[in-house]
PDB file of N, CA and C in Angstrom:
ATOM      1  N   MET A   1      69.319  88.857 -36.710  1.00  0.00           N
ATOM      2  CA  MET A   1      69.977  89.500 -35.581  1.00  0.00           C
ATOM      3  C   MET A   1      70.321  88.449 -34.532  1.00  0.00           C
ATOM      4  N   ASN A   2      71.476  88.588 -33.934  1.00  0.00           N
ATOM      5  CA  ASN A   2      71.898  87.670 -32.892  1.00  0.00           C
ATOM      6  C   ASN A   2      71.151  87.953 -31.594  1.00  0.00           C
ATOM      7  N   ALA A   3      70.993  86.921 -30.790  1.00  0.00           N
ATOM      8  CA  ALA A   3      70.315  87.074 -29.503  1.00  0.00           C
ATOM      9  C   ALA A   3      71.166  87.934 -28.568  1.00  0.00           C
ATOM     10  N   ILE A   4      70.495  88.575 -27.623  1.00  0.00           N
ATOM     11  CA  ILE A   4      71.130  89.481 -26.671  1.00  0.00           C
ATOM     12  C   ILE A   4      71.031  88.889 -25.264  1.00  0.00           C
ATOM     13  N   ASN A   5      72.094  89.078 -24.485  1.00  0.00           N
ATOM     14  CA  ASN A   5      72.077  88.591 -23.104  1.00  0.00           C
ATOM     15  C   ASN A   5      71.593  89.688 -22.160  1.00  0.00           C
ATOM     16  N   VAL A   6      71.520  89.368 -20.862  1.00  0.00           N
ATOM     17  CA  VAL A   6      71.011  90.319 -19.871  1.00  0.00           C
ATOM     18  C   VAL A   6      71.936  91.510 -19.652  1.00  0.00           C
ATOM     19  N   LEU A   7      73.158  91.432 -20.173  1.00  0.00           N
ATOM     20  CA  LEU A   7      74.101  92.545 -20.073  1.00  0.00           C
ATOM     21  C   LEU A   7      73.980  93.498 -21.269  1.00  0.00           C
ATOM     22  N   GLY A   8      73.129  93.115 -22.246  1.00  0.00           N
ATOM     23  CA  GLY A   8      72.928  93.958 -23.422  1.00  0.00           C
ATOM     24  C   GLY A   8      73.909  93.694 -24.542  1.00  0.00           C
ATOM     25  N   THR A   9      74.692  92.626 -24.428  1.00  0.00           N
ATOM     26  CA  THR A   9      75.654  92.268 -25.462  1.00  0.00           C
ATOM     27  C   THR A   9      75.237  90.947 -26.107  1.00  0.00           C
ATOM     28  N   GLU A  10      76.003  90.509 -27.106  1.00  0.00           N
ATOM     29  CA  GLU A  10      75.650  89.287 -27.814  1.00  0.00           C
ATOM     30  C   GLU A  10      75.669  88.071 -26.877  1.00  0.00           C
ATOM     31  N   LEU A  11      74.660  87.240 -27.008  1.00  0.00           N
ATOM     32  CA  LEU A  11      74.541  86.041 -26.184  1.00  0.00           C
ATOM     33  C   LEU A  11      75.711  85.107 -26.454  1.00  0.00           C
ATOM     34  N   VAL A  12      76.408  84.711 -25.385  1.00  0.00           N
ATOM     35  CA  VAL A  12      77.559  83.814 -25.453  1.00  0.00           C
ATOM     36  C   VAL A  12      77.059  82.387 -25.205  1.00  0.00           C
ATOM     37  N   PRO A  13      77.594  81.383 -25.915  1.00  0.00           N
ATOM     38  CA  PRO A  13      77.171  79.998 -25.661  1.00  0.00           C
ATOM     39  C   PRO A  13      77.314  79.625 -24.186  1.00  0.00           C
ATOM     40  N   CYS A  14      76.392  78.795 -23.721  1.00  0.00           N
ATOM     41  CA  CYS A  14      76.364  78.342 -22.326  1.00  0.00           C
ATOM     42  C   CYS A  14      77.179  77.060 -22.161  1.00  0.00           C
ATOM     43  N   SER A  15      76.883  76.030 -22.963  1.00  0.00           N
ATOM     44  CA  SER A  15      77.611  74.766 -22.845  1.00  0.00           C
ATOM     45  C   SER A  15      77.396  73.893 -24.075  1.00  0.00           C
ATOM     46  N   TYR A  16      78.492  73.294 -24.529  1.00  0.00           N
ATOM     47  CA  TYR A  16      78.426  72.283 -25.580  1.00  0.00           C
ATOM     48  C   TYR A  16      78.632  70.888 -25.007  1.00  0.00           C
ATOM     49  N   ASP A  17      79.092  70.799 -23.752  1.00  0.00           N
ATOM     50  CA  ASP A  17      79.315  69.513 -23.089  1.00  0.00           C
ATOM     51  C   ASP A  17      78.991  69.649 -21.615  1.00  0.00           C
ATOM     52  N   PRO A  18      77.754  69.342 -21.194  1.00  0.00           N
ATOM     53  CA  PRO A  18      76.713  68.745 -22.028  1.00  0.00           C
ATOM     54  C   PRO A  18      76.091  69.781 -22.969  1.00  0.00           C
ATOM     55  N   ILE A  19      75.583  69.284 -24.088  1.00  0.00           N
ATOM     56  CA  ILE A  19      74.910  70.175 -25.040  1.00  0.00           C
ATOM     57  C   ILE A  19      73.621  70.665 -24.409  1.00  0.00           C
ATOM     58  N   THR A  20      73.426  71.970 -24.411  1.00  0.00           N
ATOM     59  CA  THR A  20      72.285  72.555 -23.711  1.00  0.00           C
ATOM     60  C   THR A  20      71.478  73.452 -24.634  1.00  0.00           C
ATOM     61  N   GLY A  21      70.431  74.020 -24.084  1.00  0.00           N
ATOM     62  CA  GLY A  21      69.570  74.944 -24.803  1.00  0.00           C
ATOM     63  C   GLY A  21      68.325  74.274 -25.335  1.00  0.00           C
ATOM     64  N   TYR A  22      67.295  75.053 -25.485  1.00  0.00           N
ATOM     65  CA  TYR A  22      66.026  74.558 -26.020  1.00  0.00           C
ATOM     66  C   TYR A  22      66.234  73.906 -27.382  1.00  0.00           C
ATOM     67  N   PHE A  23      67.134  74.493 -28.177  1.00  0.00           N
ATOM     68  CA  PHE A  23      67.418  73.960 -29.515  1.00  0.00           C
ATOM     69  C   PHE A  23      68.587  72.978 -29.510  1.00  0.00           C
ATOM     70  N   ARG A  24      69.157  72.704 -28.332  1.00  0.00           N
ATOM     71  CA  ARG A  24      70.361  71.868 -28.200  1.00  0.00           C
ATOM     72  C   ARG A  24      71.462  72.401 -29.125  1.00  0.00           C
ATOM     73  N   ASP A  25      71.637  73.741 -29.044  1.00  0.00           N
ATOM     74  CA  ASP A  25      72.666  74.406 -29.855  1.00  0.00           C
ATOM     75  C   ASP A  25      73.762  75.018 -28.985  1.00  0.00           C
ATOM     76  N   GLY A  26      73.724  74.721 -27.681  1.00  0.00           N
ATOM     77  CA  GLY A  26      74.736  75.239 -26.777  1.00  0.00           C
ATOM     78  C   GLY A  26      74.407  76.591 -26.177  1.00  0.00           C
ATOM     79  N   CYS A  27      73.355  77.231 -26.688  1.00  0.00           N
ATOM     80  CA  CYS A  27      72.983  78.573 -26.235  1.00  0.00           C
ATOM     81  C   CYS A  27      71.598  78.587 -25.610  1.00  0.00           C
ATOM     82  N   CYS A  28      71.364  79.589 -24.775  1.00  0.00           N
ATOM     83  CA  CYS A  28      70.045  79.750 -24.144  1.00  0.00           C
ATOM     84  C   CYS A  28      69.138  80.573 -25.053  1.00  0.00           C
ATOM     85  N   ASN A  29      69.070  80.176 -26.328  1.00  0.00           N
ATOM     86  CA  ASN A  29      68.178  80.810 -27.297  1.00  0.00           C
ATOM     87  C   ASN A  29      66.750  80.361 -27.039  1.00  0.00           C
ATOM     88  N   THR A  30      65.808  81.095 -27.590  1.00  0.00           N
ATOM     89  CA  THR A  30      64.406  80.798 -27.338  1.00  0.00           C
ATOM     90  C   THR A  30      63.546  81.197 -28.530  1.00  0.00           C
ATOM     91  N   GLU A  31      62.324  80.747 -28.508  1.00  0.00           N
ATOM     92  CA  GLU A  31      61.284  81.176 -29.443  1.00  0.00           C
ATOM     93  C   GLU A  31      59.954  80.907 -28.766  1.00  0.00           C
ATOM     94  N   GLU A  32      58.860  81.254 -29.425  1.00  0.00           N
ATOM     95  CA  GLU A  32      57.541  81.113 -28.812  1.00  0.00           C
ATOM     96  C   GLU A  32      57.214  79.685 -28.392  1.00  0.00           C
ATOM     97  N   SER A  33      57.722  78.681 -29.119  1.00  0.00           N
ATOM     98  CA  SER A  33      57.404  77.294 -28.773  1.00  0.00           C
ATOM     99  C   SER A  33      58.136  76.807 -27.519  1.00  0.00           C
ATOM    100  N   ASP A  34      59.077  77.589 -27.007  1.00  0.00           N
ATOM    101  CA  ASP A  34      59.832  77.224 -25.804  1.00  0.00           C
ATOM    102  C   ASP A  34      58.988  77.550 -24.571  1.00  0.00           C
ATOM    103  N   ALA A  35      58.038  76.675 -24.279  1.00  0.00           N
ATOM    104  CA  ALA A  35      57.107  76.906 -23.170  1.00  0.00           C
ATOM    105  C   ALA A  35      57.823  77.006 -21.830  1.00  0.00           C
ATOM    106  N   GLY A  36      58.958  76.317 -21.692  1.00  0.00           N
ATOM    107  CA  GLY A  36      59.696  76.354 -20.432  1.00  0.00           C
ATOM    108  C   GLY A  36      60.583  77.566 -20.267  1.00  0.00           C
ATOM    109  N   SER A  37      60.784  78.325 -21.313  1.00  0.00           N
ATOM    110  CA  SER A  37      61.669  79.496 -21.285  1.00  0.00           C
ATOM    111  C   SER A  37      63.037  79.140 -20.715  1.00  0.00           C
ATOM    112  N   HIS A  38      63.791  78.338 -21.467  1.00  0.00           N
ATOM    113  CA  HIS A  38      65.129  77.876 -21.078  1.00  0.00           C
ATOM    114  C   HIS A  38      66.137  78.996 -21.309  1.00  0.00           C
ATOM    115  N   LEU A  39      66.158  79.974 -20.417  1.00  0.00           N
ATOM    116  CA  LEU A  39      66.851  81.231 -20.656  1.00  0.00           C
ATOM    117  C   LEU A  39      68.046  81.507 -19.771  1.00  0.00           C
ATOM    118  N   VAL A  40      68.113  80.862 -18.599  1.00  0.00           N
ATOM    119  CA  VAL A  40      69.120  81.202 -17.599  1.00  0.00           C
ATOM    120  C   VAL A  40      70.265  80.192 -17.648  1.00  0.00           C
ATOM    121  N   CYS A  41      71.446  80.657 -18.011  1.00  0.00           N
ATOM    122  CA  CYS A  41      72.625  79.784 -18.031  1.00  0.00           C
ATOM    123  C   CYS A  41      73.172  79.702 -16.610  1.00  0.00           C
ATOM    124  N   VAL A  42      73.199  78.487 -16.077  1.00  0.00           N
ATOM    125  CA  VAL A  42      73.656  78.282 -14.709  1.00  0.00           C
ATOM    126  C   VAL A  42      74.809  77.284 -14.664  1.00  0.00           C
ATOM    127  N   ARG A  43      75.522  77.304 -13.570  1.00  0.00           N
ATOM    128  CA  ARG A  43      76.515  76.279 -13.245  1.00  0.00           C
ATOM    129  C   ARG A  43      75.874  75.481 -12.120  1.00  0.00           C
ATOM    130  N   VAL A  44      75.420  74.274 -12.422  1.00  0.00           N
ATOM    131  CA  VAL A  44      74.615  73.530 -11.456  1.00  0.00           C
ATOM    132  C   VAL A  44      75.435  73.104 -10.243  1.00  0.00           C
ATOM    133  N   THR A  45      74.749  73.074  -9.111  1.00  0.00           N
ATOM    134  CA  THR A  45      75.325  72.620  -7.847  1.00  0.00           C
ATOM    135  C   THR A  45      74.580  71.374  -7.400  1.00  0.00           C
ATOM    136  N   GLN A  46      75.196  70.609  -6.526  1.00  0.00           N
ATOM    137  CA  GLN A  46      74.516  69.422  -5.992  1.00  0.00           C
ATOM    138  C   GLN A  46      73.251  69.825  -5.254  1.00  0.00           C
ATOM    139  N   GLU A  47      73.305  70.935  -4.516  1.00  0.00           N
ATOM    140  CA  GLU A  47      72.138  71.404  -3.763  1.00  0.00           C
ATOM    141  C   GLU A  47      70.979  71.716  -4.704  1.00  0.00           C
ATOM    142  N   PHE A  48      71.297  72.370  -5.823  1.00  0.00           N
ATOM    143  CA  PHE A  48      70.241  72.671  -6.788  1.00  0.00           C
ATOM    144  C   PHE A  48      69.687  71.394  -7.414  1.00  0.00           C
ATOM    145  N   LEU A  49      70.567  70.461  -7.806  1.00  0.00           N
ATOM    146  CA  LEU A  49      70.102  69.218  -8.425  1.00  0.00           C
ATOM    147  C   LEU A  49      69.191  68.440  -7.481  1.00  0.00           C
ATOM    148  N   THR A  50      69.547  68.392  -6.202  1.00  0.00           N
ATOM    149  CA  THR A  50      68.724  67.709  -5.197  1.00  0.00           C
ATOM    150  C   THR A  50      67.382  68.418  -5.055  1.00  0.00           C
ATOM    151  N   PHE A  51      67.411  69.754  -4.984  1.00  0.00           N
ATOM    152  CA  PHE A  51      66.173  70.536  -4.884  1.00  0.00           C
ATOM    153  C   PHE A  51      65.281  70.305  -6.099  1.00  0.00           C
ATOM    154  N   SER A  52      65.860  70.388  -7.295  1.00  0.00           N
ATOM    155  CA  SER A  52      65.095  70.217  -8.523  1.00  0.00           C
ATOM    156  C   SER A  52      64.444  68.831  -8.565  1.00  0.00           C
ATOM    157  N   ASN A  53      65.203  67.826  -8.183  1.00  0.00           N
ATOM    158  CA  ASN A  53      64.686  66.457  -8.166  1.00  0.00           C
ATOM    159  C   ASN A  53      63.518  66.346  -7.182  1.00  0.00           C
ATOM    160  N   SER A  54      63.622  67.009  -6.044  1.00  0.00           N
ATOM    161  CA  SER A  54      62.550  66.955  -5.039  1.00  0.00           C
ATOM    162  C   SER A  54      61.276  67.639  -5.526  1.00  0.00           C
ATOM    163  N   CYS A  55      61.420  68.507  -6.527  1.00  0.00           N
ATOM    164  CA  CYS A  55      60.262  69.202  -7.125  1.00  0.00           C
ATOM    165  C   CYS A  55      59.726  68.460  -8.345  1.00  0.00           C
ATOM    166  N   GLY A  56      60.275  67.278  -8.617  1.00  0.00           N
ATOM    167  CA  GLY A  56      59.789  66.487  -9.744  1.00  0.00           C
ATOM    168  C   GLY A  56      60.505  66.747 -11.056  1.00  0.00           C
ATOM    169  N   ASN A  57      61.619  67.481 -11.025  1.00  0.00           N
ATOM    170  CA  ASN A  57      62.378  67.755 -12.239  1.00  0.00           C
ATOM    171  C   ASN A  57      63.756  67.108 -12.103  1.00  0.00           C
ATOM    172  N   ASP A  58      63.849  65.848 -12.504  1.00  0.00           N
ATOM    173  CA  ASP A  58      65.082  65.076 -12.389  1.00  0.00           C
ATOM    174  C   ASP A  58      66.048  65.474 -13.498  1.00  0.00           C
ATOM    175  N   LEU A  59      67.096  66.195 -13.125  1.00  0.00           N
ATOM    176  CA  LEU A  59      68.107  66.621 -14.088  1.00  0.00           C
ATOM    177  C   LEU A  59      69.365  65.768 -13.990  1.00  0.00           C
ATOM    178  N   ILE A  60      69.313  64.717 -13.177  1.00  0.00           N
ATOM    179  CA  ILE A  60      70.476  63.870 -12.937  1.00  0.00           C
ATOM    180  C   ILE A  60      70.465  62.618 -13.810  1.00  0.00           C
ATOM    181  N   THR A  61      69.306  62.006 -13.960  1.00  0.00           N
ATOM    182  CA  THR A  61      69.180  60.746 -14.687  1.00  0.00           C
ATOM    183  C   THR A  61      69.285  60.960 -16.193  1.00  0.00           C
ATOM    184  N   PRO A  62      70.180  60.248 -16.865  1.00  0.00           N
ATOM    185  CA  PRO A  62      70.289  60.371 -18.329  1.00  0.00           C
ATOM    186  C   PRO A  62      68.983  59.995 -19.027  1.00  0.00           C
ATOM    187  N   GLN A  63      68.657  60.743 -20.080  1.00  0.00           N
ATOM    188  CA  GLN A  63      67.482  60.464 -20.915  1.00  0.00           C
ATOM    189  C   GLN A  63      67.928  60.611 -22.373  1.00  0.00           C
ATOM    190  N   PRO A  64      68.547  59.545 -22.900  1.00  0.00           N
ATOM    191  CA  PRO A  64      69.126  59.612 -24.256  1.00  0.00           C
ATOM    192  C   PRO A  64      68.121  60.003 -25.334  1.00  0.00           C
ATOM    193  N   GLN A  65      66.849  59.666 -25.146  1.00  0.00           N
ATOM    194  CA  GLN A  65      65.843  60.009 -26.154  1.00  0.00           C
ATOM    195  C   GLN A  65      65.703  61.517 -26.337  1.00  0.00           C
ATOM    196  N   TYR A  66      66.166  62.302 -25.351  1.00  0.00           N
ATOM    197  CA  TYR A  66      66.142  63.762 -25.449  1.00  0.00           C
ATOM    198  C   TYR A  66      67.553  64.333 -25.603  1.00  0.00           C
ATOM    199  N   ARG A  67      68.504  63.462 -25.959  1.00  0.00           N
ATOM    200  CA  ARG A  67      69.911  63.860 -26.057  1.00  0.00           C
ATOM    201  C   ARG A  67      70.367  64.508 -24.752  1.00  0.00           C
ATOM    202  N   PHE A  68      69.989  63.869 -23.630  1.00  0.00           N
ATOM    203  CA  PHE A  68      70.294  64.398 -22.301  1.00  0.00           C
ATOM    204  C   PHE A  68      71.073  63.354 -21.512  1.00  0.00           C
ATOM    205  N   ALA A  69      72.318  63.690 -21.183  1.00  0.00           N
ATOM    206  CA  ALA A  69      73.206  62.738 -20.502  1.00  0.00           C
ATOM    207  C   ALA A  69      73.077  62.777 -18.984  1.00  0.00           C
ATOM    208  N   GLY A  70      72.269  63.701 -18.470  1.00  0.00           N
ATOM    209  CA  GLY A  70      72.193  63.882 -17.021  1.00  0.00           C
ATOM    210  C   GLY A  70      73.246  64.894 -16.581  1.00  0.00           C
ATOM    211  N   LEU A  71      72.908  65.668 -15.562  1.00  0.00           N
ATOM    212  CA  LEU A  71      73.809  66.722 -15.106  1.00  0.00           C
ATOM    213  C   LEU A  71      74.536  66.326 -13.831  1.00  0.00           C
ATOM    214  N   LYS A  72      75.712  66.905 -13.649  1.00  0.00           N
ATOM    215  CA  LYS A  72      76.478  66.732 -12.423  1.00  0.00           C
ATOM    216  C   LYS A  72      76.954  68.112 -11.980  1.00  0.00           C
ATOM    217  N   PRO A  73      77.279  68.262 -10.704  1.00  0.00           N
ATOM    218  CA  PRO A  73      77.746  69.572 -10.236  1.00  0.00           C
ATOM    219  C   PRO A  73      78.888  70.088 -11.091  1.00  0.00           C
ATOM    220  N   GLY A  74      78.813  71.374 -11.417  1.00  0.00           N
ATOM    221  CA  GLY A  74      79.826  72.017 -12.250  1.00  0.00           C
ATOM    222  C   GLY A  74      79.421  72.150 -13.705  1.00  0.00           C
ATOM    223  N   ASP A  75      78.435  71.342 -14.148  1.00  0.00           N
ATOM    224  CA  ASP A  75      77.949  71.465 -15.523  1.00  0.00           C
ATOM    225  C   ASP A  75      77.233  72.790 -15.703  1.00  0.00           C
ATOM    226  N   ARG A  76      77.291  73.308 -16.924  1.00  0.00           N
ATOM    227  CA  ARG A  76      76.516  74.512 -17.283  1.00  0.00           C
ATOM    228  C   ARG A  76      75.271  74.057 -18.020  1.00  0.00           C
ATOM    229  N   TRP A  77      74.158  74.757 -17.785  1.00  0.00           N
ATOM    230  CA  TRP A  77      72.883  74.320 -18.333  1.00  0.00           C
ATOM    231  C   TRP A  77      71.957  75.502 -18.513  1.00  0.00           C
ATOM    232  N   CYS A  78      71.196  75.504 -19.598  1.00  0.00           N
ATOM    233  CA  CYS A  78      70.162  76.524 -19.815  1.00  0.00           C
ATOM    234  C   CYS A  78      68.919  76.094 -19.033  1.00  0.00           C
ATOM    235  N   LEU A  79      68.697  76.749 -17.950  1.00  0.00           N
ATOM    236  CA  LEU A  79      67.615  76.402 -17.034  1.00  0.00           C
ATOM    237  C   LEU A  79      66.368  77.228 -17.334  1.00  0.00           C
ATOM    238  N   CYS A  80      65.220  76.619 -17.118  1.00  0.00           N
ATOM    239  CA  CYS A  80      63.958  77.348 -17.251  1.00  0.00           C
ATOM    240  C   CYS A  80      63.964  78.516 -16.257  1.00  0.00           C
ATOM    241  N   ALA A  81      63.561  79.674 -16.726  1.00  0.00           N
ATOM    242  CA  ALA A  81      63.590  80.872 -15.881  1.00  0.00           C
ATOM    243  C   ALA A  81      62.732  80.707 -14.636  1.00  0.00           C
ATOM    244  N   ASN A  82      61.555  80.102 -14.781  1.00  0.00           N
ATOM    245  CA  ASN A  82      60.702  79.903 -13.605  1.00  0.00           C
ATOM    246  C   ASN A  82      61.316  78.922 -12.609  1.00  0.00           C
ATOM    247  N   ARG A  83      62.035  77.916 -13.099  1.00  0.00           N
ATOM    248  CA  ARG A  83      62.696  76.961 -12.205  1.00  0.00           C
ATOM    249  C   ARG A  83      63.807  77.662 -11.428  1.00  0.00           C
ATOM    250  N   TRP A  84      64.550  78.557 -12.096  1.00  0.00           N
ATOM    251  CA  TRP A  84      65.599  79.296 -11.387  1.00  0.00           C
ATOM    252  C   TRP A  84      64.975  80.176 -10.310  1.00  0.00           C
ATOM    253  N   ARG A  85      63.883  80.853 -10.653  1.00  0.00           N
ATOM    254  CA  ARG A  85      63.200  81.706  -9.667  1.00  0.00           C
ATOM    255  C   ARG A  85      62.693  80.872  -8.495  1.00  0.00           C
ATOM    256  N   GLU A  86      62.130  79.710  -8.787  1.00  0.00           N
ATOM    257  CA  GLU A  86      61.654  78.808  -7.737  1.00  0.00           C
ATOM    258  C   GLU A  86      62.821  78.391  -6.822  1.00  0.00           C
ATOM    259  N   ALA A  87      63.964  78.048  -7.417  1.00  0.00           N
ATOM    260  CA  ALA A  87      65.140  77.673  -6.634  1.00  0.00           C
ATOM    261  C   ALA A  87      65.641  78.863  -5.819  1.00  0.00           C
ATOM    262  N   LEU A  88      65.595  80.050  -6.390  1.00  0.00           N
ATOM    263  CA  LEU A  88      65.996  81.259  -5.686  1.00  0.00           C
ATOM    264  C   LEU A  88      65.140  81.450  -4.436  1.00  0.00           C
ATOM    265  N   GLU A  89      63.830  81.346  -4.602  1.00  0.00           N
ATOM    266  CA  GLU A  89      62.905  81.548  -3.476  1.00  0.00           C
ATOM    267  C   GLU A  89      63.099  80.497  -2.392  1.00  0.00           C
ATOM    268  N   ALA A  90      63.558  79.299  -2.775  1.00  0.00           N
ATOM    269  CA  ALA A  90      63.786  78.219  -1.810  1.00  0.00           C
ATOM    270  C   ALA A  90      65.200  78.236  -1.232  1.00  0.00           C
ATOM    271  N   GLY A  91      66.061  79.122  -1.754  1.00  0.00           N
ATOM    272  CA  GLY A  91      67.422  79.226  -1.248  1.00  0.00           C
ATOM    273  C   GLY A  91      68.426  78.299  -1.922  1.00  0.00           C
ATOM    274  N   PHE A  92      68.099  77.791  -3.127  1.00  0.00           N
ATOM    275  CA  PHE A  92      68.970  76.852  -3.828  1.00  0.00           C
ATOM    276  C   PHE A  92      69.351  77.307  -5.236  1.00  0.00           C
ATOM    277  N   ALA A  93      69.283  78.594  -5.496  1.00  0.00           N
ATOM    278  CA  ALA A  93      69.572  79.094  -6.845  1.00  0.00           C
ATOM    279  C   ALA A  93      71.014  78.810  -7.226  1.00  0.00           C
ATOM    280  N   PRO A  94      71.230  78.139  -8.357  1.00  0.00           N
ATOM    281  CA  PRO A  94      72.603  77.911  -8.804  1.00  0.00           C
ATOM    282  C   PRO A  94      73.198  79.198  -9.378  1.00  0.00           C
ATOM    283  N   PRO A  95      74.522  79.306  -9.376  1.00  0.00           N
ATOM    284  CA  PRO A  95      75.176  80.497  -9.934  1.00  0.00           C
ATOM    285  C   PRO A  95      74.830  80.686 -11.411  1.00  0.00           C
ATOM    286  N   VAL A  96      74.744  81.951 -11.815  1.00  0.00           N
ATOM    287  CA  VAL A  96      74.321  82.337 -13.165  1.00  0.00           C
ATOM    288  C   VAL A  96      75.506  82.861 -13.966  1.00  0.00           C
ATOM    289  N   ILE A  97      75.572  82.466 -15.228  1.00  0.00           N
ATOM    290  CA  ILE A  97      76.553  83.032 -16.157  1.00  0.00           C
ATOM    291  C   ILE A  97      75.801  84.092 -16.961  1.00  0.00           C
ATOM    292  N   LEU A  98      75.981  85.346 -16.581  1.00  0.00           N
ATOM    293  CA  LEU A  98      75.198  86.442 -17.159  1.00  0.00           C
ATOM    294  C   LEU A  98      75.416  86.589 -18.659  1.00  0.00           C
ATOM    295  N   GLU A  99      76.648  86.403 -19.118  1.00  0.00           N
ATOM    296  CA  GLU A  99      76.962  86.563 -20.535  1.00  0.00           C
ATOM    297  C   GLU A  99      76.194  85.568 -21.410  1.00  0.00           C
ATOM    298  N   SER A 100      75.759  84.466 -20.799  1.00  0.00           N
ATOM    299  CA  SER A 100      75.072  83.401 -21.533  1.00  0.00           C
ATOM    300  C   SER A 100      73.591  83.299 -21.189  1.00  0.00           C
ATOM    301  N   THR A 101      73.084  84.241 -20.400  1.00  0.00           N
ATOM    302  CA  THR A 101      71.676  84.261 -20.005  1.00  0.00           C
ATOM    303  C   THR A 101      70.906  85.203 -20.921  1.00  0.00           C
ATOM    304  N   HIS A 102      69.878  84.677 -21.573  1.00  0.00           N
ATOM    305  CA  HIS A 102      69.098  85.424 -22.556  1.00  0.00           C
ATOM    306  C   HIS A 102      68.382  86.612 -21.920  1.00  0.00           C
ATOM    307  N   LEU A 103      68.316  87.706 -22.654  1.00  0.00           N
ATOM    308  CA  LEU A 103      67.654  88.930 -22.202  1.00  0.00           C
ATOM    309  C   LEU A 103      66.230  88.671 -21.713  1.00  0.00           C
ATOM    310  N   ASN A 104      65.513  87.743 -22.345  1.00  0.00           N
ATOM    311  CA  ASN A 104      64.126  87.475 -21.959  1.00  0.00           C
ATOM    312  C   ASN A 104      63.987  86.930 -20.541  1.00  0.00           C
ATOM    313  N   ALA A 105      65.078  86.508 -19.925  1.00  0.00           N
ATOM    314  CA  ALA A 105      65.025  86.048 -18.527  1.00  0.00           C
ATOM    315  C   ALA A 105      64.523  87.160 -17.617  1.00  0.00           C
ATOM    316  N   LEU A 106      64.725  88.414 -18.031  1.00  0.00           N
ATOM    317  CA  LEU A 106      64.293  89.545 -17.208  1.00  0.00           C
ATOM    318  C   LEU A 106      62.775  89.691 -17.156  1.00  0.00           C
ATOM    319  N   GLU A 107      62.060  88.886 -17.941  1.00  0.00           N
ATOM    320  CA  GLU A 107      60.602  88.848 -17.836  1.00  0.00           C
ATOM    321  C   GLU A 107      60.172  88.022 -16.624  1.00  0.00           C
ATOM    322  N   PHE A 108      61.109  87.249 -16.043  1.00  0.00           N
ATOM    323  CA  PHE A 108      60.804  86.335 -14.952  1.00  0.00           C
ATOM    324  C   PHE A 108      61.485  86.709 -13.640  1.00  0.00           C
ATOM    325  N   VAL A 109      62.689  87.267 -13.746  1.00  0.00           N
ATOM    326  CA  VAL A 109      63.485  87.652 -12.579  1.00  0.00           C
ATOM    327  C   VAL A 109      64.142  88.993 -12.858  1.00  0.00           C
ATOM    328  N   THR A 110      64.638  89.625 -11.809  1.00  0.00           N
ATOM    329  CA  THR A 110      65.269  90.935 -11.990  1.00  0.00           C
ATOM    330  C   THR A 110      66.766  90.787 -12.250  1.00  0.00           C
ATOM    331  N   MET A 111      67.343  91.812 -12.838  1.00  0.00           N
ATOM    332  CA  MET A 111      68.781  91.825 -13.063  1.00  0.00           C
ATOM    333  C   MET A 111      69.506  91.755 -11.726  1.00  0.00           C
ATOM    334  N   ALA A 112      68.969  92.415 -10.703  1.00  0.00           N
ATOM    335  CA  ALA A 112      69.598  92.394  -9.380  1.00  0.00           C
ATOM    336  C   ALA A 112      69.640  90.973  -8.814  1.00  0.00           C
ATOM    337  N   GLN A 113      68.564  90.216  -9.002  1.00  0.00           N
ATOM    338  CA  GLN A 113      68.546  88.827  -8.529  1.00  0.00           C
ATOM    339  C   GLN A 113      69.601  88.005  -9.258  1.00  0.00           C
ATOM    340  N   LEU A 114      69.672  88.161 -10.567  1.00  0.00           N
ATOM    341  CA  LEU A 114      70.662  87.422 -11.349  1.00  0.00           C
ATOM    342  C   LEU A 114      72.084  87.829 -10.957  1.00  0.00           C
ATOM    343  N   ALA A 115      72.321  89.120 -10.873  1.00  0.00           N
ATOM    344  CA  ALA A 115      73.665  89.616 -10.578  1.00  0.00           C
ATOM    345  C   ALA A 115      74.147  89.161  -9.204  1.00  0.00           C
ATOM    346  N   LYS A 116      73.241  89.083  -8.245  1.00  0.00           N
ATOM    347  CA  LYS A 116      73.597  88.637  -6.893  1.00  0.00           C
ATOM    348  C   LYS A 116      74.115  87.199  -6.912  1.00  0.00           C
ATOM    349  N   HIS A 117      73.677  86.430  -7.888  1.00  0.00           N
ATOM    350  CA  HIS A 117      74.048  85.016  -7.994  1.00  0.00           C
ATOM    351  C   HIS A 117      75.005  84.757  -9.173  1.00  0.00           C
ATOM    352  N   ARG A 118      75.670  85.817  -9.601  1.00  0.00           N
ATOM    353  CA  ARG A 118      76.601  85.699 -10.744  1.00  0.00           C
ATOM    354  C   ARG A 118      77.731  84.731 -10.403  1.00  0.00           C
ATOM    355  N   PHE A 119      78.007  83.832 -11.352  1.00  0.00           N
ATOM    356  CA  PHE A 119      79.110  82.892 -11.202  1.00  0.00           C
ATOM    357  C   PHE A 119      80.406  83.659 -11.289  1.00  0.00           C
ATOM    358  N   GLN A 120      81.273  83.473 -10.302  1.00  0.00           N
ATOM    359  CA  GLN A 120      82.521  84.234 -10.241  1.00  0.00           C
ATOM    360  C   GLN A 120      83.722  83.494 -10.809  1.00  0.00           C
ATOM    361  N   GLY A 121      83.543  82.241 -11.216  1.00  0.00           N
ATOM    362  CA  GLY A 121      84.661  81.467 -11.756  1.00  0.00           C
ATOM    363  C   GLY A 121      85.004  81.863 -13.177  1.00  0.00           C
ATOM    364  N   ALA A 122      86.010  81.221 -13.697  1.00  0.00           N
ATOM    365  CA  ALA A 122      86.463  81.491 -15.065  1.00  0.00           C
ATOM    366  C   ALA A 122      85.526  80.865 -16.075  1.00  0.00           C
ATOM    367  N   MET A 123      85.392  81.504 -17.220  1.00  0.00           N
ATOM    368  CA  MET A 123      84.642  80.914 -18.327  1.00  0.00           C
ATOM    369  C   MET A 123      85.450  79.722 -18.814  1.00  0.00           C
ATOM    370  N   HIS A 124      84.789  78.729 -19.459  1.00  0.00           N
ATOM    371  CA  HIS A 124      85.557  77.576 -19.925  1.00  0.00           C
ATOM    372  C   HIS A 124      86.078  77.796 -21.274  1.00  0.00           C
TER     373      HIS A 124
END
């Protein structure tokens, strides 16, 4: 069975450039070994990247050993659900692409929280 997003439909890929997801398959898919719960597809902002870095999670610096080129504003990324919630509480939550956010994200945040931060731009 295909994964389901928070809208109740089939999970849409988040990003292939940069390649994202726990499995580096472009989607916010998950399984039990995904301790970080990389479930929320976001469009990163500079404010979020700065906030994340200040919390000890550097998403800017490339780390080729993890097939990670580093993020820049405008990139889409499967973010850990708890990190998104933390950014939300601090006022730095990046916009969410609901069609690409895994249903399991609702174990960490509410649909209302996600919808309030829905990305309004065009899909790529």
